[in-house]
N, C-alpha and C. Protein backbone atom coordinates (compact mmCIF):
# COMPACT_ATOMS: atom_id res chain seq x y z
N UNK A 1 22.14 -10.16 0.40
CA UNK A 1 21.28 -10.97 0.72
C UNK A 1 20.17 -9.78 1.07
N UNK A 2 19.12 -10.10 0.19
CA UNK A 2 17.85 -8.86 0.41
C UNK A 2 16.94 -9.86 1.34
N UNK A 3 16.04 -9.47 2.72
CA UNK A 3 14.97 -9.71 2.64
C UNK A 3 13.80 -9.45 3.00
N UNK A 4 12.87 -10.09 2.62
CA UNK A 4 11.44 -9.91 1.98
C UNK A 4 10.75 -9.74 3.69
N UNK A 5 9.13 -9.51 3.66
CA UNK A 5 8.60 -9.49 4.82
C UNK A 5 7.29 -8.89 3.98
N UNK A 6 6.24 -9.94 4.04
CA UNK A 6 5.01 -9.73 3.31
C UNK A 6 3.85 -9.61 4.99
N UNK A 7 2.94 -9.01 5.03
CA UNK A 7 2.23 -8.81 6.35
C UNK A 7 1.08 -8.05 5.83
N UNK A 8 -0.20 -8.34 6.88
CA UNK A 8 -1.47 -7.88 6.79
C UNK A 8 -1.40 -7.31 7.91
N UNK A 9 -1.14 -5.79 7.97
CA UNK A 9 -0.80 -4.86 9.01
C UNK A 9 -2.28 -4.49 9.79
N UNK A 10 -3.21 -4.87 8.89
CA UNK A 10 -4.71 -4.09 9.79
C UNK A 10 -4.50 -3.09 10.12
N UNK A 11 -4.01 -2.12 9.72
CA UNK A 11 -3.99 -0.59 9.67
C UNK A 11 -2.63 -0.40 10.27
N UNK A 12 -2.43 0.79 9.68
CA UNK A 12 -0.97 1.51 9.67
C UNK A 12 -1.07 2.26 11.27
N UNK A 13 -1.03 2.01 12.33
CA UNK A 13 -0.70 2.55 13.61
C UNK A 13 0.54 2.39 14.59
N UNK A 14 0.60 3.18 15.29
CA UNK A 14 1.45 2.97 16.57
C UNK A 14 0.82 4.02 17.99
N UNK A 15 1.38 3.32 18.78
CA UNK A 15 0.77 4.18 20.38
C UNK A 15 0.86 5.49 20.23
N UNK A 16 1.90 6.06 19.04
CA UNK A 16 2.03 7.22 18.93
C UNK A 16 1.24 8.28 18.02
N UNK A 17 0.55 9.11 18.45
CA UNK A 17 -0.51 9.98 17.24
C UNK A 17 -0.16 10.46 15.94
N UNK A 18 1.21 10.46 14.96
CA UNK A 18 0.88 10.62 13.70
C UNK A 18 1.33 9.61 12.93
N UNK A 19 0.99 9.89 11.79
CA UNK A 19 1.38 8.72 10.76
C UNK A 19 2.88 8.85 10.24
N UNK A 20 3.64 10.02 10.79
CA UNK A 20 5.02 10.03 10.52
C UNK A 20 5.64 9.37 11.63
N UNK A 21 5.02 9.29 12.80
CA UNK A 21 5.81 8.41 14.20
C UNK A 21 5.43 6.96 13.65
N UNK A 22 4.22 6.65 13.24
CA UNK A 22 3.86 4.66 13.04
C UNK A 22 4.79 4.66 11.87
N UNK A 23 5.23 5.35 10.63
CA UNK A 23 5.86 4.96 9.80
C UNK A 23 7.53 4.88 10.32
N UNK A 24 7.90 5.61 11.36
CA UNK A 24 9.07 5.46 11.67
C UNK A 24 9.17 4.41 12.44
N UNK A 25 8.49 4.03 13.39
CA UNK A 25 7.91 2.96 14.27
C UNK A 25 8.08 1.60 13.49
N UNK A 26 7.73 1.34 11.98
CA UNK A 26 7.51 0.31 11.18
C UNK A 26 9.04 0.34 10.56
N UNK A 27 9.70 1.53 10.11
CA UNK A 27 10.85 1.49 9.83
C UNK A 27 12.05 1.06 10.18
N UNK A 28 11.91 1.38 12.00
CA UNK A 28 12.81 0.71 12.83
C UNK A 28 12.83 -0.72 12.98
N UNK A 29 11.35 -1.22 13.28
CA UNK A 29 11.29 -2.36 12.91
C UNK A 29 11.82 -3.29 11.84
N UNK A 30 11.90 -2.76 10.80
CA UNK A 30 12.60 -3.22 9.29
C UNK A 30 13.94 -3.05 9.42
N UNK A 31 14.38 -2.50 9.87
CA UNK A 31 15.56 -2.21 10.20
C UNK A 31 16.45 -2.79 11.38
N UNK A 32 15.87 -3.20 12.56
CA UNK A 32 16.22 -3.77 13.33
C UNK A 32 16.26 -5.80 12.37
N UNK A 33 15.46 -5.83 11.90
CA UNK A 33 15.68 -7.19 10.87
C UNK A 33 16.33 -7.41 9.72
N UNK A 34 16.70 -5.94 9.31
CA UNK A 34 17.56 -6.11 8.25
C UNK A 34 16.60 -6.33 7.06
N UNK A 35 15.42 -6.05 6.80
CA UNK A 35 13.94 -6.28 6.00
C UNK A 35 14.32 -5.11 5.11
N UNK A 36 14.82 -4.91 3.63
CA UNK A 36 14.51 -4.30 2.80
C UNK A 36 13.55 -3.93 1.65
N UNK A 37 12.46 -4.74 1.78
CA UNK A 37 11.37 -4.84 1.10
C UNK A 37 10.02 -5.37 1.68
N UNK A 38 9.47 -4.73 2.32
CA UNK A 38 8.17 -4.93 2.93
C UNK A 38 6.74 -4.48 2.14
N UNK A 39 6.07 -5.66 1.90
CA UNK A 39 5.13 -5.75 1.31
C UNK A 39 3.50 -5.84 2.36
N UNK A 40 2.86 -4.92 2.05
CA UNK A 40 1.66 -4.53 3.41
C UNK A 40 0.32 -4.92 2.89
N UNK A 41 -0.56 -5.05 3.47
CA UNK A 41 -1.83 -5.04 2.94
C UNK A 41 -2.75 -4.98 4.37
N UNK A 42 -3.96 -4.38 4.16
CA UNK A 42 -5.15 -3.32 4.78
C UNK A 42 -4.14 -2.34 5.85
N UNK A 43 -3.39 -1.30 4.93
CA UNK A 43 -2.81 -0.37 5.81
C UNK A 43 -3.67 0.96 6.32
N UNK A 44 -5.12 0.86 5.67
CA UNK A 44 -6.00 1.66 5.93
C UNK A 44 -5.71 3.24 5.92
N UNK A 45 -4.99 3.35 5.00
CA UNK A 45 -4.40 4.91 5.00
C UNK A 45 -5.10 5.50 2.96
N UNK A 46 -5.92 6.80 3.52
CA UNK A 46 -6.23 7.24 2.37
C UNK A 46 -5.23 7.81 1.44
N UNK A 47 -4.58 6.98 0.76
CA UNK A 47 -3.12 7.26 -0.01
C UNK A 47 -3.79 8.72 -0.80
N UNK A 48 -4.82 9.17 -1.15
CA UNK A 48 -4.88 10.06 -2.24
C UNK A 48 -5.17 11.10 -1.68
N UNK A 49 -5.71 11.15 -0.25
CA UNK A 49 -5.54 12.30 0.51
C UNK A 49 -4.69 13.29 0.61
N UNK A 50 -4.84 14.66 0.56
CA UNK A 50 -3.62 15.65 0.53
C UNK A 50 -2.61 15.68 1.81
N UNK A 51 -3.41 15.76 2.56
CA UNK A 51 -2.85 15.34 4.06
C UNK A 51 -1.85 14.18 4.11
N UNK A 52 -2.63 12.69 3.82
CA UNK A 52 -1.69 11.76 3.66
C UNK A 52 -0.70 11.77 3.39
N UNK A 53 -0.87 12.32 1.96
CA UNK A 53 0.38 12.68 1.18
C UNK A 53 1.77 13.18 1.65
N UNK A 54 1.12 14.49 2.00
CA UNK A 54 2.01 15.25 2.59
C UNK A 54 2.98 14.67 4.09
N UNK A 55 2.07 13.99 4.76
CA UNK A 55 2.87 13.02 6.09
C UNK A 55 3.82 12.02 5.54
N UNK A 56 3.13 11.56 4.32
CA UNK A 56 4.21 10.56 3.52
C UNK A 56 5.61 11.33 3.07
N UNK A 57 5.12 12.18 2.67
CA UNK A 57 6.39 12.87 2.19
C UNK A 57 7.30 13.46 3.05
N UNK A 58 6.54 13.98 4.04
CA UNK A 58 7.57 14.53 5.34
C UNK A 58 8.27 12.97 5.92
N UNK A 59 7.77 12.07 6.23
CA UNK A 59 8.40 10.83 6.59
C UNK A 59 9.74 10.66 5.92
N UNK A 60 9.51 10.28 4.16
CA UNK A 60 10.84 9.98 3.33
C UNK A 60 11.74 11.15 3.13
N UNK A 61 11.45 12.34 3.53
CA UNK A 61 12.44 13.54 3.73
C UNK A 61 13.00 13.29 5.12
N UNK A 62 12.63 13.31 6.19
CA UNK A 62 13.36 12.60 7.21
C UNK A 62 13.88 11.60 7.27
N UNK A 63 13.79 10.59 6.55
CA UNK A 63 14.46 9.37 6.28
C UNK A 63 15.76 9.20 5.04
N UNK A 64 15.67 10.34 4.62
CA UNK A 64 16.98 10.56 3.26
C UNK A 64 18.18 10.56 4.43
N UNK A 65 18.14 11.21 5.70
CA UNK A 65 19.25 11.59 6.53
C UNK A 65 19.73 10.25 6.67
N UNK A 66 19.09 9.11 6.65
CA UNK A 66 19.67 7.54 6.91
C UNK A 66 19.49 6.54 6.15
N UNK A 67 19.59 6.93 4.78
CA UNK A 67 19.04 6.08 3.57
C UNK A 67 17.88 6.50 2.92
N UNK A 68 18.02 5.78 1.67
CA UNK A 68 16.66 6.58 0.95
C UNK A 68 15.75 5.28 1.11
N UNK A 69 14.25 5.51 0.83
CA UNK A 69 13.24 4.67 1.31
C UNK A 69 11.95 5.34 0.40
N UNK A 70 11.29 4.17 -0.47
CA UNK A 70 10.50 4.53 -1.18
C UNK A 70 9.14 3.59 -0.72
N UNK A 71 8.19 4.62 -0.43
CA UNK A 71 6.76 3.98 -0.42
C UNK A 71 5.83 3.68 -1.37
N UNK A 72 5.12 2.73 -1.47
CA UNK A 72 4.33 2.99 -3.33
C UNK A 72 2.89 2.26 -2.18
N UNK A 73 1.91 2.94 -2.22
CA UNK A 73 0.85 2.86 -1.09
C UNK A 73 -0.48 3.06 -2.14
N UNK A 74 -1.69 2.28 -2.41
CA UNK A 74 -2.40 2.28 -3.31
C UNK A 74 -3.57 1.76 -2.25
N UNK A 75 -5.07 2.58 -2.48
CA UNK A 75 -5.72 2.65 -1.63
C UNK A 75 -7.11 3.19 -2.59
N UNK A 76 -8.21 2.61 -2.01
CA UNK A 76 -9.10 3.10 -2.64
C UNK A 76 -9.62 4.73 -3.62
N UNK A 77 -9.62 5.13 -4.45
CA UNK A 77 -9.85 6.31 -4.74
C UNK A 77 -10.86 7.07 -4.32
N UNK A 78 -11.66 6.43 -3.26
CA UNK A 78 -12.62 7.03 -2.50
C UNK A 78 -12.10 7.91 -1.87
N UNK A 79 -10.82 7.83 -1.34
CA UNK A 79 -9.78 8.18 -0.62
C UNK A 79 -9.98 10.04 -0.77
N UNK A 80 -9.98 10.16 -2.03
CA UNK A 80 -9.89 11.24 -2.41
C UNK A 80 -10.97 12.00 -1.91
N UNK A 81 -12.02 11.76 -1.27
CA UNK A 81 -13.22 12.73 -1.15
C UNK A 81 -13.23 11.86 0.27
N UNK A 82 -12.47 11.35 1.12
CA UNK A 82 -12.43 11.27 2.00
C UNK A 82 -12.44 12.23 3.15
N UNK A 83 -13.14 12.37 3.94
CA UNK A 83 -12.65 13.64 5.26
C UNK A 83 -11.73 13.46 6.39
N UNK A 84 -11.48 11.67 6.28
CA UNK A 84 -10.82 11.53 7.09
C UNK A 84 -9.26 11.10 6.27
N UNK A 85 -8.28 10.67 7.07
CA UNK A 85 -7.15 10.13 6.63
C UNK A 85 -7.18 8.73 6.74
N UNK A 86 -8.07 8.12 6.70
CA UNK A 86 -8.13 6.60 7.07
C UNK A 86 -9.29 5.91 5.85
N UNK A 87 -8.93 4.77 5.69
CA UNK A 87 -9.61 4.46 4.60
C UNK A 87 -9.62 2.87 4.51
N UNK A 88 -10.50 2.09 4.90
CA UNK A 88 -10.39 0.36 5.01
C UNK A 88 -9.71 0.10 3.62
N UNK A 89 -9.01 -0.93 4.17
CA UNK A 89 -8.01 -2.24 2.51
C UNK A 89 -6.92 -1.47 2.53
N UNK A 90 -6.36 -1.68 1.07
CA UNK A 90 -4.77 -0.86 0.90
C UNK A 90 -3.84 -2.07 0.35
N UNK A 91 -3.13 -1.48 -0.29
CA UNK A 91 -1.72 -2.67 -0.46
C UNK A 91 -0.94 -1.51 -0.48
N UNK A 92 0.39 -2.06 -0.34
CA UNK A 92 1.66 -1.06 -0.66
C UNK A 92 3.09 -1.97 -0.21
N UNK A 93 3.97 -0.69 -0.79
CA UNK A 93 5.34 -1.87 -0.48
C UNK A 93 6.48 -0.76 -0.17
N UNK A 94 7.03 -1.00 0.61
CA UNK A 94 8.23 -0.26 1.29
C UNK A 94 9.44 -0.95 1.16
N UNK A 95 10.07 0.52 0.05
CA UNK A 95 11.33 -0.39 -0.63
C UNK A 95 12.48 0.52 0.48
N UNK A 96 13.61 -0.27 0.77
CA UNK A 96 14.59 0.53 1.42
C UNK A 96 16.17 0.34 0.96
N UNK A 97 17.09 1.41 1.32
CA UNK A 97 18.15 1.05 0.50
C UNK A 97 18.94 -0.20 0.80
N UNK A 98 19.48 -0.99 0.03
CA UNK A 98 19.98 -0.42 -1.32
C UNK A 98 19.05 -0.88 -2.31
N UNK A 99 17.93 -1.12 -2.07
CA UNK A 99 16.80 -2.00 -3.14
C UNK A 99 16.59 -0.59 -4.37
N UNK A 100 16.23 0.42 -3.35
CA UNK A 100 15.74 1.64 -3.62
C UNK A 100 16.35 1.78 -5.41
N UNK A 101 17.34 2.25 -5.41
CA UNK A 101 18.03 2.26 -6.30
C UNK A 101 18.03 1.34 -7.75
N UNK A 102 17.42 0.02 -7.52
CA UNK A 102 17.23 -0.85 -8.30
C UNK A 102 15.94 -0.77 -8.84
N UNK A 103 15.52 0.24 -8.35
CA UNK A 103 13.76 0.19 -9.02
C UNK A 103 14.01 0.30 -10.52
N UNK A 104 13.34 -0.38 -11.51
CA UNK A 104 12.94 -0.11 -12.66
C UNK A 104 12.62 1.20 -12.86
N UNK A 105 13.12 2.10 -14.05
CA UNK A 105 12.15 3.62 -14.44
C UNK A 105 10.29 2.86 -14.52
N UNK A 106 9.57 3.82 -14.48
CA UNK A 106 8.16 3.25 -14.26
C UNK A 106 7.95 2.02 -13.69
N UNK A 107 8.98 1.55 -12.48
CA UNK A 107 8.68 0.38 -12.39
C UNK A 107 7.83 0.22 -11.00
N UNK A 108 6.91 1.47 -10.54
CA UNK A 108 5.85 1.49 -9.38
C UNK A 108 5.21 1.51 -10.07
N UNK A 109 3.43 1.17 -9.29
CA UNK A 109 2.29 1.54 -9.68
C UNK A 109 1.42 0.41 -8.75
N UNK A 110 0.26 0.36 -8.60
CA UNK A 110 -0.96 -0.35 -8.45
C UNK A 110 -2.16 0.05 -8.88
N UNK A 111 -3.01 -0.73 -8.36
CA UNK A 111 -4.47 -0.72 -8.53
C UNK A 111 -5.73 0.70 -7.86
N UNK A 112 -6.04 1.30 -8.44
CA UNK A 112 -6.73 2.22 -8.04
C UNK A 112 -8.10 1.94 -7.37
N UNK A 113 -8.30 0.77 -6.93
CA UNK A 113 -9.33 0.20 -5.79
C UNK A 113 -8.10 -0.24 -4.56
N UNK A 114 -6.34 -0.30 -4.63
CA UNK A 114 -6.13 -0.58 -3.91
C UNK A 114 -5.68 -1.87 -3.57
N UNK A 115 -6.06 -2.78 -4.42
CA UNK A 115 -6.08 -4.39 -4.41
C UNK A 115 -4.96 -4.87 -4.44
N UNK A 116 -3.87 -4.18 -5.40
CA UNK A 116 -2.56 -4.66 -5.21
C UNK A 116 -1.41 -3.28 -5.87
N UNK A 117 -0.43 -3.57 -5.33
CA UNK A 117 0.72 -2.71 -5.29
C UNK A 117 1.88 -3.47 -5.95
N UNK A 118 2.85 -2.96 -6.70
CA UNK A 118 3.90 -3.51 -7.62
C UNK A 118 4.92 -2.75 -7.62
N UNK A 119 6.26 -3.35 -7.67
CA UNK A 119 7.09 -2.73 -7.70
C UNK A 119 8.26 -3.64 -8.89
N UNK A 120 8.61 -3.14 -9.89
CA UNK A 120 10.03 -3.88 -10.55
C UNK A 120 11.48 -3.34 -10.51
N UNK A 121 11.90 -4.36 -10.01
CA UNK A 121 13.85 -3.97 -9.87
C UNK A 121 14.17 -4.80 -11.14
N UNK A 122 15.37 -4.00 -11.52
CA UNK A 122 16.52 -3.80 -12.12
C UNK A 122 17.33 -5.06 -11.68
N UNK A 123 17.93 -6.23 -12.25
CA UNK A 123 19.17 -6.70 -11.97
C UNK A 123 20.36 -7.18 -12.93
N UNK A 124 21.15 -6.94 -12.30
CA UNK A 124 22.83 -7.22 -13.43
C UNK A 124 22.63 -8.43 -13.85
N UNK A 125 22.44 -8.64 -14.96
CA UNK A 125 22.78 -10.12 -15.68
C UNK A 125 21.32 -11.15 -15.71
N UNK A 126 20.35 -10.46 -15.24
CA UNK A 126 19.05 -11.33 -14.81
C UNK A 126 17.87 -10.32 -15.15
N UNK A 127 16.85 -11.12 -15.59
CA UNK A 127 15.72 -10.24 -16.17
C UNK A 127 15.41 -9.41 -14.84
N UNK A 128 14.61 -8.39 -14.86
CA UNK A 128 13.49 -7.48 -13.65
C UNK A 128 12.95 -8.53 -13.37
N UNK A 129 12.82 -8.24 -11.53
CA UNK A 129 12.06 -8.98 -10.98
C UNK A 129 10.85 -8.08 -10.23
N UNK A 130 9.75 -8.29 -10.50
CA UNK A 130 8.51 -7.81 -9.80
C UNK A 130 7.62 -8.63 -8.76
N UNK A 131 7.73 -7.93 -7.69
CA UNK A 131 7.40 -7.93 -6.40
C UNK A 131 5.60 -7.33 -6.33
N UNK A 132 4.87 -8.10 -5.76
CA UNK A 132 3.08 -7.40 -6.06
C UNK A 132 2.64 -8.15 -4.49
N UNK A 133 2.39 -6.98 -3.92
CA UNK A 133 1.46 -6.94 -2.73
C UNK A 133 0.25 -7.10 -3.19
N UNK A 134 -0.70 -8.20 -2.27
CA UNK A 134 -2.08 -8.18 -2.82
C UNK A 134 -3.22 -8.35 -1.96
N UNK A 135 -4.20 -7.55 -1.98
CA UNK A 135 -5.25 -7.67 -0.75
C UNK A 135 -6.69 -8.15 -1.47
N UNK A 136 -7.01 -8.99 -1.22
CA UNK A 136 -8.43 -9.34 -1.93
C UNK A 136 -9.47 -9.55 -0.55
N UNK A 137 -10.62 -8.78 -0.87
CA UNK A 137 -11.60 -8.85 -0.12
C UNK A 137 -12.23 -9.96 0.68
N UNK A 138 -12.97 -10.19 1.35
CA UNK A 138 -13.54 -11.70 1.73
C UNK A 138 -14.90 -11.58 1.01
N UNK A 139 -15.44 -12.88 1.08
CA UNK A 139 -16.22 -13.18 -0.10
C UNK A 139 -17.67 -12.04 0.31
N UNK A 140 -17.88 -11.80 1.75
CA UNK A 140 -19.19 -11.19 1.94
C UNK A 140 -18.20 -10.36 2.77
N UNK A 141 -19.08 -9.13 3.04
CA UNK A 141 -18.59 -8.05 4.01
C UNK A 141 -18.67 -8.32 5.57
N UNK A 142 -17.36 -8.08 6.24
CA UNK A 142 -17.19 -8.25 7.37
C UNK A 142 -18.14 -7.68 8.41
N UNK A 143 -18.60 -6.50 8.01
CA UNK A 143 -19.83 -5.75 8.79
C UNK A 143 -21.07 -4.91 7.56
N UNK A 144 -22.04 -4.85 8.19
CA UNK A 144 -22.92 -4.07 7.31
C UNK A 144 -23.26 -2.82 7.06
N UNK A 145 -22.19 -2.13 7.80
CA UNK A 145 -22.58 -0.60 8.19
C UNK A 145 -22.10 0.14 6.74
N UNK A 146 -21.28 -0.31 5.67
CA UNK A 146 -20.65 -0.02 4.63
C UNK A 146 -19.74 0.83 4.25
N UNK A 147 -18.90 0.56 5.23
CA UNK A 147 -17.56 1.45 5.25
C UNK A 147 -16.15 0.70 5.15
N UNK A 148 -16.24 -0.77 4.39
CA UNK A 148 -14.96 -1.82 4.47
C UNK A 148 -15.00 -1.50 2.89
N UNK A 149 -13.77 -2.28 2.90
CA UNK A 149 -13.07 -2.39 1.66
C UNK A 149 -13.83 -2.82 0.60
N UNK A 150 -14.39 -3.88 0.92
CA UNK A 150 -15.71 -4.61 0.02
C UNK A 150 -17.04 -3.85 -0.42
N UNK A 151 -17.10 -2.91 0.27
CA UNK A 151 -18.52 -1.95 0.33
C UNK A 151 -17.95 -0.56 -0.56
N UNK A 152 -16.35 -0.54 -0.43
CA UNK A 152 -15.67 0.60 -1.41
C UNK A 152 -15.41 0.12 -2.80
N UNK A 153 -15.27 -1.12 -2.88
CA UNK A 153 -14.87 -1.69 -4.04
C UNK A 153 -16.33 -2.24 -5.13
N UNK A 154 -17.37 -2.19 -4.40
CA UNK A 154 -18.67 -2.48 -4.78
C UNK A 154 -19.06 -1.42 -5.71
N UNK A 155 -19.11 0.05 -4.53
CA UNK A 155 -19.30 1.28 -5.18
C UNK A 155 -18.83 1.90 -6.56
N UNK A 156 -17.59 1.37 -6.32
CA UNK A 156 -16.10 1.55 -7.49
C UNK A 156 -16.96 0.95 -8.37
N UNK A 157 -17.36 -0.65 -8.75
CA UNK A 157 -17.54 -1.02 -9.59
C UNK A 157 -18.96 -0.86 -9.90
N UNK A 158 -19.94 -0.75 -9.55
CA UNK A 158 -21.18 0.09 -9.72
C UNK A 158 -20.93 1.33 -10.74
N UNK A 159 -19.95 2.27 -10.22
CA UNK A 159 -19.90 3.55 -10.82
C UNK A 159 -18.92 3.06 -12.43
N UNK A 160 -18.84 2.20 -12.36
CA UNK A 160 -18.29 1.47 -13.72
C UNK A 160 -19.13 0.56 -14.64
N UNK A 161 -20.29 0.58 -14.32
CA UNK A 161 -21.38 -0.22 -14.71
C UNK A 161 -21.15 -1.60 -14.65
N UNK A 162 -20.44 -1.96 -13.71
CA UNK A 162 -20.20 -3.47 -13.12
C UNK A 162 -21.05 -4.14 -12.24
N UNK A 163 -22.00 -3.71 -12.33
CA UNK A 163 -23.22 -3.90 -11.16
C UNK A 163 -23.40 -5.67 -10.98
N UNK A 164 -22.89 -6.23 -11.99
CA UNK A 164 -23.06 -7.79 -11.77
C UNK A 164 -21.73 -8.19 -11.45
N UNK A 165 -20.59 -7.73 -11.68
CA UNK A 165 -19.34 -8.43 -10.98
C UNK A 165 -19.30 -8.22 -9.62
N UNK A 166 -19.33 -9.66 -8.95
CA UNK A 166 -18.95 -9.56 -7.18
C UNK A 166 -17.41 -8.51 -7.01
N UNK A 167 -17.11 -8.04 -5.99
CA UNK A 167 -15.52 -7.39 -5.97
C UNK A 167 -14.34 -8.68 -6.11
N UNK A 168 -14.58 -9.94 -5.62
CA UNK A 168 -13.78 -11.06 -5.91
C UNK A 168 -13.65 -11.53 -7.00
N UNK A 169 -14.60 -11.46 -7.54
CA UNK A 169 -14.69 -11.76 -9.11
C UNK A 169 -14.13 -10.74 -9.88
N UNK A 170 -14.28 -9.51 -9.54
CA UNK A 170 -13.64 -8.55 -10.57
C UNK A 170 -12.30 -8.58 -10.29
N UNK A 171 -11.31 -8.42 -9.05
CA UNK A 171 -10.56 -8.78 -8.55
C UNK A 171 -9.54 -9.88 -9.65
N UNK A 172 -10.07 -11.23 -9.80
CA UNK A 172 -9.75 -12.11 -10.35
C UNK A 172 -9.58 -11.39 -12.15
N UNK A 173 -10.89 -10.97 -12.67
CA UNK A 173 -10.93 -10.69 -13.79
C UNK A 173 -9.58 -9.35 -14.33
N UNK A 174 -9.60 -8.29 -13.27
CA UNK A 174 -8.81 -7.53 -13.48
C UNK A 174 -7.30 -7.96 -13.53
């Protein structure tokens, strides 16, 4: 039996200071409840940041001793320019053994604005199964500072000359 968890985590964090430790805490919780696939929204990680990518790789390497794990995390591409390792929004899927071995070739990906992440799994004698983790922004920004996921998407849409598309409408169109 494969157990799933879908959760808006509103920021991947832990009482301990590092991302690796936060991921280890989350992984321990998933193991305790025997959850193989965890879909998350609002992870708040600058997934394109080299520092974040290095920490994600370190976490995955540490987990190899206990069984494989796959992280599919998507966030705004603004994270490439982020001085911080934190950016609002984001979606992701954490896949644990034995489901890691069932990921289809080229079966993972996501949206460049972090609105969705997906994983497709091979199944014996059945069509493939695709799981999608989705995060859609509020109708209006939750604050006026300009660093919310709504603002990030607005800036990315403006850069694509989609100035008349509301972030929620663009989400549905895309």
